[in-house]
Amino acid sequence: MPQTHDTPFDEIARRILWRLFLLRNITVTGVGAGVAIANEFFTTGIPAFPIIVTLGLLAGLNILTWLRLQASALISNTEIFIQLLLDIAGITSLFYFTGGAANPFVWFYLLPLIIAATILPRTHTWIMAGITVACYSALLFFAIPIGSDSGHAHHESGFRMHILGMWLGFVMSAGFVAVIIVGMAHSLRERDRKLAEAREQALQNERLIALGTLATGAAHELGTPLGTMAILTAELEQEYSNPDYSDLHRKLGILREQISRCKETLSVISVSAGAERAEAGHRMPVKDYLDHVITEWREQRPNIKLDAAINSPAVAAHILAERTLSQALINILNNAADASPDDVYLQADWSNEVLNLEVSDRGPGLSAEIYNQLGKTPVTTKDEGLGVGLFLAQATIQRLGGKLSISNREANGTTLRITLPLLTEVILQDAPGL
């Protein structure tokens, strides 16, 4: 899939090129003003025509840079390197006509070198260092000296101009380092962070694909034994339908219901493996959806005490009710119930756009090792657990545009917070079939 200028890494390269564009604008404006001031107040004799031509070429380069920033093609390190080389050529020309190595602004060669060292590969940086050293060295022998007069007055005028230039150069260098270079370093840190997030997301997707493959295989393998169990259960219910076996008949009924639930879950897994959008759900009021999830969970864990506080505002909000989300919320409630069967707390409130859920328990809490791995890889604190419930729940919530976070409570136990986007008018227009 081809990348566009909207990709995060190209966006960072565009920020860097934009800062080069601004820096070149400052250079053209500053040099033009400096030459005008020097010729007006000091006896310098700086040739105006070649300076104007050089500044015009740099301004033309900046116009091309502006047009380049408006285009959609990717910006590479090589392109930024070439632009820096053109900047060096421009400032070398300016220094040649303004005193060469004696120019107090000759430190300007450090800026492209610092930029290259900050954002470009090592090879480009070494090439840039060699070119800047060669240009500076050449200016020691080849340059047009400033000033045409002689005598003590000219010496004092030139010295004052040099001192003023050194002061102004320090002020400008401090400003460039504080604004331009720091901004580029921040862009690089942002790029590294996004690369790390992309790698982590790729690893998570690989684990999800592996889990999905295993789940599909398990669904296929478990279908036959569950079918056999359903047939035997039905036969036993018919065989022991006598009222004398009422307790056995009740237990067989519970067993048949559990088998049906297992078959329904396997059918969802099978459909998910082959459907184009198996996770697609239907539009449902938030209050009704939460009631449905809680009711389904209570059927699975009838002996668990759940304190549910659903703050239903006067908002006609709707959610995309899909099976994977329901399973994720049920898994989260199951984890809380396993941690503290007598104290599971659910709080829910929502607005027009966002649903906020909190699930709390009074269990032992999470160790630092488990806490750092949550959401990144399947982990479990239970001897019988496989550790995939919370991992899949977080993946499902993130896929739907939500967020999940976990923290230990002050006394004991954990609190899990979920934020889910609700169906707005824009979403409904984009998905009219919901």
Protein backbone atom coordinates (compact mmCIF):
# COMPACT_ATOMS: atom_id res chain seq x y z
CA MET A 1 0.00 0.00 0.00
CA PRO A 2 1.64 3.30 -1.04
CA GLN A 3 2.27 5.85 1.63
CA THR A 4 0.85 9.33 1.47
CA HIS A 5 1.82 12.58 3.10
CA ASP A 6 -0.61 11.77 5.89
CA THR A 7 1.62 9.02 7.30
CA PRO A 8 3.14 10.01 10.66
CA PHE A 9 6.78 9.54 9.56
CA ASP A 10 6.43 11.67 6.43
CA GLU A 11 4.65 14.29 8.53
CA ILE A 12 7.74 14.53 10.76
CA ALA A 13 9.99 14.95 7.67
CA ARG A 14 7.70 17.75 6.52
CA ARG A 15 8.07 19.49 9.87
CA ILE A 16 11.85 19.35 9.50
CA LEU A 17 11.70 20.72 5.94
CA TRP A 18 9.33 23.44 7.14
CA ARG A 19 11.87 24.51 9.77
CA LEU A 20 14.57 24.64 7.07
CA PHE A 21 12.21 26.83 5.05
CA LEU A 22 11.82 29.20 8.00
CA LEU A 23 15.56 29.22 8.72
CA ARG A 24 16.32 30.11 5.08
CA ASN A 25 13.80 32.94 5.21
CA ILE A 26 15.52 34.29 8.32
CA THR A 27 18.92 34.00 6.58
CA VAL A 28 17.82 35.86 3.46
CA THR A 29 16.14 38.62 5.47
CA GLY A 30 18.95 38.92 8.03
CA VAL A 31 21.78 38.98 5.49
CA GLY A 32 19.99 41.50 3.32
CA ALA A 33 19.35 43.80 6.28
CA GLY A 34 22.89 43.29 7.63
CA VAL A 35 24.56 44.20 4.35
CA ALA A 36 22.36 47.28 4.00
CA ILE A 37 23.19 48.41 7.55
CA ALA A 38 26.93 47.72 7.10
CA ASN A 39 27.13 49.74 3.89
CA GLU A 40 25.08 52.56 5.45
CA PHE A 41 26.85 52.99 8.80
CA PHE A 42 30.28 51.41 8.23
CA THR A 43 32.95 51.81 5.57
CA THR A 44 32.76 48.26 4.20
CA GLY A 45 32.48 48.49 0.44
CA ILE A 46 30.50 45.22 0.25
CA PRO A 47 29.49 44.56 -3.41
CA ALA A 48 25.71 44.73 -3.51
CA PHE A 49 25.00 43.07 -6.86
CA PRO A 50 26.46 39.57 -6.20
CA ILE A 51 24.88 39.60 -2.74
CA ILE A 52 21.48 40.41 -4.23
CA VAL A 53 21.90 37.63 -6.84
CA THR A 54 22.84 35.07 -4.17
CA LEU A 55 19.94 36.09 -1.93
CA GLY A 56 17.62 35.88 -4.94
CA LEU A 57 18.76 32.32 -5.64
CA LEU A 58 18.18 31.34 -2.00
CA ALA A 59 14.73 32.95 -2.14
CA GLY A 60 14.02 30.97 -5.33
CA LEU A 61 15.08 27.78 -3.54
CA ASN A 62 12.67 28.63 -0.76
CA ILE A 63 9.85 29.09 -3.25
CA LEU A 64 10.57 25.60 -4.59
CA THR A 65 10.65 24.32 -1.00
CA TRP A 66 7.24 25.87 -0.34
CA LEU A 67 5.82 24.20 -3.46
CA ARG A 68 7.43 20.94 -2.37
CA LEU A 69 5.71 21.15 1.02
CA GLN A 70 2.36 21.46 -0.75
CA ALA A 71 2.94 18.29 -2.82
CA SER A 72 1.87 14.83 -1.70
CA ALA A 73 5.06 12.88 -2.49
CA LEU A 74 7.18 11.55 0.36
CA ILE A 75 10.12 13.60 1.65
CA SER A 76 13.32 11.61 2.09
CA ASN A 77 16.54 12.17 4.03
CA THR A 78 18.38 12.57 0.73
CA GLU A 79 16.14 15.47 -0.24
CA ILE A 80 16.78 17.23 3.07
CA PHE A 81 20.53 16.60 2.63
CA ILE A 82 20.51 18.16 -0.85
CA GLN A 83 18.69 21.21 0.49
CA LEU A 84 21.35 21.61 3.19
CA LEU A 85 24.09 21.39 0.53
CA LEU A 86 22.41 24.15 -1.46
CA ASP A 87 22.28 26.25 1.71
CA ILE A 88 26.03 25.74 2.19
CA ALA A 89 26.64 26.82 -1.40
CA GLY A 90 24.57 29.95 -0.80
CA ILE A 91 26.25 31.00 2.44
CA THR A 92 29.70 30.26 0.97
CA SER A 93 28.94 32.67 -1.85
CA LEU A 94 27.78 35.28 0.67
CA PHE A 95 30.94 34.87 2.77
CA TYR A 96 33.15 35.13 -0.33
CA PHE A 97 31.82 38.61 -1.06
CA THR A 98 31.78 39.72 2.58
CA GLY A 99 35.30 39.09 3.85
CA GLY A 100 35.58 35.30 3.80
CA ALA A 101 36.90 33.74 7.01
CA ALA A 102 37.12 37.20 8.60
CA ASN A 103 33.34 37.56 8.48
CA PRO A 104 32.03 37.38 12.08
CA PHE A 105 29.07 35.27 10.88
CA VAL A 106 31.24 32.46 9.52
CA TRP A 107 30.00 30.36 12.45
CA PHE A 108 26.86 29.93 10.32
CA TYR A 109 28.53 26.87 8.80
CA LEU A 110 27.78 25.07 12.07
CA LEU A 111 24.00 25.28 11.58
CA PRO A 112 23.68 22.89 8.60
CA LEU A 113 26.21 20.62 10.28
CA ILE A 114 24.21 20.56 13.54
CA ILE A 115 20.99 19.95 11.62
CA ALA A 116 22.59 17.07 9.69
CA ALA A 117 23.95 15.54 12.89
CA THR A 118 20.50 15.81 14.49
CA ILE A 119 18.27 14.39 11.77
CA LEU A 120 20.36 12.63 9.09
CA PRO A 121 22.28 9.33 9.01
CA ARG A 122 25.95 9.24 10.03
CA THR A 123 27.24 9.08 6.42
CA HIS A 124 25.41 12.28 5.48
CA THR A 125 26.75 13.98 8.61
CA TRP A 126 30.37 13.12 7.80
CA ILE A 127 29.94 14.34 4.22
CA MET A 128 28.42 17.55 5.53
CA ALA A 129 31.32 18.00 7.97
CA GLY A 130 33.89 17.54 5.20
CA ILE A 131 32.15 20.01 2.89
CA THR A 132 31.77 22.73 5.56
CA VAL A 133 35.44 22.37 6.62
CA ALA A 134 36.55 22.56 2.97
CA CYS A 135 34.45 25.69 2.34
CA TYR A 136 35.68 27.40 5.50
CA SER A 137 39.29 26.53 4.64
CA ALA A 138 38.92 27.86 1.10
CA LEU A 139 37.61 31.17 2.46
CA LEU A 140 40.92 31.63 4.31
CA PHE A 141 42.65 32.10 0.95
CA PHE A 142 39.91 33.12 -1.49
CA ALA A 143 37.58 35.98 -0.57
CA ILE A 144 36.93 39.65 -1.27
CA PRO A 145 38.06 41.66 1.77
CA ILE A 146 35.67 44.11 3.38
CA GLY A 147 36.51 47.82 3.15
CA SER A 148 38.48 49.85 0.68
CA ASP A 149 39.85 52.65 2.88
CA SER A 150 43.00 52.54 4.97
CA GLY A 151 44.17 54.11 8.15
CA HIS A 152 43.29 54.12 11.80
CA ALA A 153 39.69 55.21 11.28
CA HIS A 154 39.01 52.29 8.96
CA HIS A 155 40.61 49.87 11.42
CA GLU A 156 38.41 51.06 14.27
CA SER A 157 35.31 50.96 12.08
CA GLY A 158 36.07 47.42 10.96
CA PHE A 159 36.82 46.28 14.50
CA ARG A 160 33.57 47.73 15.83
CA MET A 161 31.65 46.01 13.04
CA HIS A 162 33.40 42.72 13.82
CA ILE A 163 32.57 42.97 17.53
CA LEU A 164 28.96 43.83 16.74
CA GLY A 165 28.78 40.92 14.31
CA MET A 166 30.15 38.52 16.92
CA TRP A 167 27.56 39.66 19.46
CA LEU A 168 24.74 39.40 16.95
CA GLY A 169 26.02 36.01 15.83
CA PHE A 170 25.92 34.70 19.39
CA VAL A 171 22.38 35.99 19.89
CA MET A 172 21.23 34.39 16.63
CA SER A 173 22.97 31.08 17.35
CA ALA A 174 21.37 30.89 20.80
CA GLY A 175 17.97 31.55 19.27
CA PHE A 176 18.48 28.98 16.49
CA VAL A 177 19.57 26.28 18.94
CA ALA A 178 16.68 27.04 21.29
CA VAL A 179 14.01 27.06 18.58
CA ILE A 180 15.08 25.30 15.38
CA ILE A 181 17.39 22.58 16.68
CA VAL A 182 15.29 21.77 19.74
CA GLY A 183 12.21 21.55 17.52
CA MET A 184 13.96 19.11 15.19
CA ALA A 185 15.13 16.99 18.11
CA HIS A 186 11.55 16.90 19.39
CA SER A 187 10.37 15.74 15.96
CA LEU A 188 12.93 12.94 16.01
CA ARG A 189 11.83 11.82 19.47
CA GLU A 190 8.24 11.85 18.22
CA ARG A 191 9.25 9.73 15.25
CA ASP A 192 11.04 7.21 17.50
CA ARG A 193 7.99 7.03 19.76
CA LYS A 194 5.68 6.34 16.83
CA LEU A 195 8.07 3.72 15.46
CA ALA A 196 8.04 1.98 18.85
CA GLU A 197 4.22 2.12 18.93
CA ALA A 198 4.06 0.71 15.40
CA ARG A 199 6.39 -2.17 16.33
CA GLU A 200 4.35 -2.90 19.45
CA GLN A 201 1.12 -2.83 17.44
CA ALA A 202 2.63 -5.19 14.86
CA LEU A 203 3.61 -7.64 17.60
CA GLN A 204 0.13 -7.43 19.11
CA ASN A 205 -1.44 -8.08 15.69
CA GLU A 206 0.78 -11.13 15.23
CA ARG A 207 -0.37 -12.51 18.58
CA LEU A 208 -4.01 -11.82 17.69
CA ILE A 209 -3.63 -13.62 14.36
CA ALA A 210 -2.05 -16.59 16.12
CA LEU A 211 -4.84 -16.64 18.71
CA GLY A 212 -7.45 -16.36 15.98
CA THR A 213 -5.93 -19.30 14.11
CA LEU A 214 -5.86 -21.40 17.26
CA ALA A 215 -9.45 -20.41 18.11
CA THR A 216 -10.67 -21.42 14.65
CA GLY A 217 -8.92 -24.77 14.93
CA ALA A 218 -10.35 -25.32 18.41
CA ALA A 219 -13.85 -24.48 17.17
CA HIS A 220 -13.50 -27.07 14.43
CA GLU A 221 -12.17 -29.74 16.81
CA LEU A 222 -14.73 -29.12 19.58
CA GLY A 223 -17.79 -29.13 17.31
CA THR A 224 -18.10 -32.93 17.14
CA PRO A 225 -17.71 -33.71 20.89
CA LEU A 226 -20.17 -30.94 21.80
CA GLY A 227 -22.68 -32.32 19.31
CA THR A 228 -22.27 -35.77 20.84
CA MET A 229 -22.74 -34.36 24.34
CA ALA A 230 -25.89 -32.52 23.25
CA ILE A 231 -27.39 -35.73 21.83
CA LEU A 232 -26.55 -37.77 24.94
CA THR A 233 -27.95 -35.05 27.23
CA ALA A 234 -31.24 -35.00 25.30
CA GLU A 235 -31.46 -38.80 25.47
CA LEU A 236 -30.79 -38.77 29.22
CA GLU A 237 -33.49 -36.11 29.74
CA GLN A 238 -36.00 -38.32 27.91
CA GLU A 239 -34.88 -41.46 29.71
CA TYR A 240 -35.08 -39.88 33.18
CA SER A 241 -38.17 -37.75 32.66
CA ASN A 242 -39.91 -39.49 35.57
CA PRO A 243 -40.75 -37.05 38.43
CA ASP A 244 -38.65 -39.26 40.72
CA TYR A 245 -35.59 -37.96 38.91
CA SER A 246 -36.52 -34.27 39.07
CA ASP A 247 -33.15 -33.23 40.54
CA LEU A 248 -31.23 -35.12 37.86
CA HIS A 249 -33.54 -33.72 35.19
CA ARG A 250 -32.82 -30.17 36.45
CA LYS A 251 -29.08 -30.74 36.35
CA LEU A 252 -29.30 -32.20 32.85
CA GLY A 253 -31.20 -29.09 31.81
CA ILE A 254 -28.39 -26.87 33.13
CA LEU A 255 -25.86 -29.04 31.32
CA ARG A 256 -27.84 -28.77 28.07
CA GLU A 257 -27.96 -24.97 28.39
CA GLN A 258 -24.20 -24.80 28.93
CA ILE A 259 -23.60 -27.01 25.91
CA SER A 260 -25.80 -24.71 23.84
CA ARG A 261 -23.81 -21.71 25.01
CA CYS A 262 -20.58 -23.42 24.02
CA LYS A 263 -21.96 -24.27 20.59
CA GLU A 264 -23.13 -20.67 20.13
CA THR A 265 -19.67 -19.36 21.04
CA LEU A 266 -18.02 -21.77 18.61
CA SER A 267 -20.41 -20.72 15.87
CA VAL A 268 -19.40 -17.08 16.43
CA ILE A 269 -15.73 -18.05 16.13
CA SER A 270 -16.40 -19.99 12.93
CA VAL A 271 -18.35 -17.14 11.39
CA SER A 272 -15.61 -14.69 12.39
CA ALA A 273 -13.07 -16.75 10.50
CA GLY A 274 -14.95 -16.56 7.22
CA ALA A 275 -17.25 -13.54 7.33
CA GLU A 276 -16.29 -10.30 5.67
CA ARG A 277 -17.20 -8.32 8.77
CA ALA A 278 -18.15 -10.76 11.48
CA GLU A 279 -17.70 -8.12 14.17
CA ALA A 280 -20.44 -5.95 12.68
CA GLY A 281 -23.22 -5.35 15.15
CA HIS A 282 -26.35 -3.29 15.36
CA ARG A 283 -27.32 0.06 16.78
CA MET A 284 -28.61 -0.15 20.34
CA PRO A 285 -29.34 2.32 23.16
CA VAL A 286 -26.49 2.37 25.66
CA LYS A 287 -28.70 1.60 28.65
CA ASP A 288 -30.29 -1.40 26.92
CA TYR A 289 -26.91 -2.69 25.80
CA LEU A 290 -25.40 -2.51 29.28
CA ASP A 291 -28.45 -4.22 30.77
CA HIS A 292 -28.12 -6.97 28.15
CA VAL A 293 -24.41 -7.51 28.93
CA ILE A 294 -25.02 -7.57 32.70
CA THR A 295 -27.92 -10.01 32.30
CA GLU A 296 -25.83 -12.33 30.15
CA TRP A 297 -22.98 -12.18 32.64
CA ARG A 298 -25.30 -12.89 35.60
CA GLU A 299 -26.48 -16.03 33.83
CA GLN A 300 -22.89 -17.24 33.72
CA ARG A 301 -21.97 -16.18 37.26
CA PRO A 302 -25.23 -16.29 39.25
CA ASN A 303 -23.48 -16.58 42.61
CA ILE A 304 -21.35 -13.43 42.23
CA LYS A 305 -22.42 -10.20 43.89
CA LEU A 306 -22.35 -7.29 41.43
CA ASP A 307 -23.01 -3.71 42.52
CA ALA A 308 -23.91 -1.90 39.30
CA ALA A 309 -24.37 1.88 39.23
CA ILE A 310 -25.56 2.91 35.78
CA ASN A 311 -25.94 6.67 35.69
CA SER A 312 -28.42 7.02 32.85
CA PRO A 313 -28.42 10.67 31.72
CA ALA A 314 -31.17 12.19 29.64
CA VAL A 315 -29.16 11.51 26.48
CA ALA A 316 -30.44 9.35 23.62
CA ALA A 317 -27.01 7.83 23.00
CA HIS A 318 -26.50 4.64 21.00
CA ILE A 319 -23.65 2.16 20.78
CA LEU A 320 -22.55 -0.38 18.19
CA ALA A 321 -23.63 -3.59 19.95
CA GLU A 322 -21.43 -6.37 18.63
CA ARG A 323 -20.59 -9.78 19.96
CA THR A 324 -16.84 -9.26 20.37
CA LEU A 325 -17.39 -6.18 22.53
CA SER A 326 -19.90 -8.02 24.69
CA GLN A 327 -17.42 -10.86 25.15
CA ALA A 328 -14.70 -8.38 26.08
CA LEU A 329 -16.85 -6.76 28.78
CA ILE A 330 -17.94 -10.16 30.11
CA ASN A 331 -14.28 -11.27 30.30
CA ILE A 332 -13.46 -8.14 32.29
CA LEU A 333 -16.33 -8.79 34.71
CA ASN A 334 -15.21 -12.42 35.03
CA ASN A 335 -11.69 -11.35 35.93
CA ALA A 336 -13.05 -9.05 38.65
CA ALA A 337 -15.33 -11.83 39.93
CA ASP A 338 -12.41 -14.26 40.09
CA ALA A 339 -10.41 -11.73 42.10
CA SER A 340 -13.16 -10.91 44.63
CA PRO A 341 -16.42 -12.89 44.29
CA ASP A 342 -18.14 -10.86 47.00
CA ASP A 343 -17.23 -7.37 45.83
CA VAL A 344 -17.47 -6.49 42.13
CA TYR A 345 -18.42 -2.92 41.29
CA LEU A 346 -19.51 -1.57 37.91
CA GLN A 347 -20.08 2.13 37.23
CA ALA A 348 -21.23 3.53 33.89
CA ASP A 349 -22.01 7.00 32.60
CA TRP A 350 -22.05 8.50 29.13
CA SER A 351 -22.54 11.59 27.05
CA ASN A 352 -23.55 12.02 23.42
CA GLU A 353 -20.15 10.82 22.23
CA VAL A 354 -18.40 8.74 24.90
CA LEU A 355 -19.25 5.86 27.24
CA ASN A 356 -17.16 5.61 30.43
CA LEU A 357 -17.05 2.33 32.35
CA GLU A 358 -15.28 1.40 35.57
CA VAL A 359 -14.98 -2.15 36.86
CA SER A 360 -13.47 -2.50 40.36
CA ASP A 361 -12.71 -5.43 42.64
CA ARG A 362 -11.22 -6.02 46.08
CA GLY A 363 -8.72 -8.66 45.09
CA PRO A 364 -4.98 -8.75 45.84
CA GLY A 365 -4.16 -6.24 43.10
CA LEU A 366 -1.50 -6.51 40.41
CA SER A 367 2.22 -6.92 40.84
CA ALA A 368 4.58 -4.61 38.97
CA GLU A 369 5.65 -7.43 36.64
CA ILE A 370 2.07 -8.30 35.65
CA TYR A 371 1.09 -4.63 35.39
CA ASN A 372 3.84 -3.87 32.88
CA GLN A 373 2.77 -6.75 30.62
CA LEU A 374 -0.98 -6.06 30.57
CA GLY A 375 -2.30 -5.44 27.10
CA LYS A 376 1.05 -6.29 25.48
CA THR A 377 1.02 -10.06 25.82
CA PRO A 378 -1.32 -12.68 27.33
CA VAL A 379 -0.70 -12.85 31.09
CA THR A 380 -2.64 -14.36 33.98
CA THR A 381 -2.61 -14.41 37.76
CA LYS A 382 -4.78 -17.55 37.91
CA ASP A 383 -3.49 -21.12 37.92
CA GLU A 384 -6.24 -22.27 35.58
CA GLY A 385 -6.23 -19.21 33.29
CA LEU A 386 -4.74 -18.93 29.82
CA GLY A 387 -4.15 -15.18 30.13
CA VAL A 388 -5.86 -14.23 26.86
CA GLY A 389 -9.10 -12.70 28.17
CA LEU A 390 -7.81 -9.26 29.07
CA PHE A 391 -5.41 -9.24 26.12
CA LEU A 392 -8.25 -9.86 23.66
CA ALA A 393 -10.52 -7.42 25.51
CA GLN A 394 -8.00 -4.61 25.14
CA ALA A 395 -7.46 -5.44 21.46
CA THR A 396 -11.22 -5.36 20.85
CA ILE A 397 -11.69 -2.04 22.64
CA GLN A 398 -8.78 -0.45 20.78
CA ARG A 399 -10.14 -1.72 17.45
CA LEU A 400 -13.41 0.07 18.20
CA GLY A 401 -11.56 3.32 18.93
CA GLY A 402 -11.71 3.04 22.71
CA LYS A 403 -9.14 3.00 25.50
CA LEU A 404 -8.54 0.68 28.43
CA SER A 405 -6.43 1.41 31.51
CA ILE A 406 -5.84 -0.47 34.77
CA SER A 407 -4.65 0.75 38.14
CA ASN A 408 -4.39 -0.67 41.64
CA ARG A 409 -6.78 0.72 44.23
CA GLU A 410 -5.40 2.48 47.30
CA ALA A 411 -6.48 -0.19 49.78
CA ASN A 412 -6.50 -3.36 47.70
CA GLY A 413 -7.92 -4.54 44.43
CA THR A 414 -7.85 -3.05 40.95
CA THR A 415 -9.90 -0.58 38.91
CA LEU A 416 -10.25 -1.00 35.17
CA ARG A 417 -11.43 2.03 33.17
CA ILE A 418 -12.89 1.78 29.69
CA THR A 419 -13.70 4.61 27.29
CA LEU A 420 -15.75 3.75 24.21
CA PRO A 421 -16.93 6.05 21.42
CA LEU A 422 -20.67 6.10 20.82
CA LEU A 423 -22.53 6.32 17.54
CA THR A 424 -22.78 9.94 16.45
CA GLU A 425 -24.72 11.24 13.49
CA VAL A 426 -21.57 11.27 11.37
CA ILE A 427 -20.88 7.62 12.06
CA LEU A 428 -24.46 6.69 11.36
CA GLN A 429 -24.35 8.48 8.02
CA ASP A 430 -21.20 6.61 7.09
CA ALA A 431 -22.76 3.29 8.10
CA PRO A 432 -26.46 3.50 7.12
CA GLY A 433 -26.89 -0.23 7.40
CA LEU A 434 -26.42 -0.21 11.16
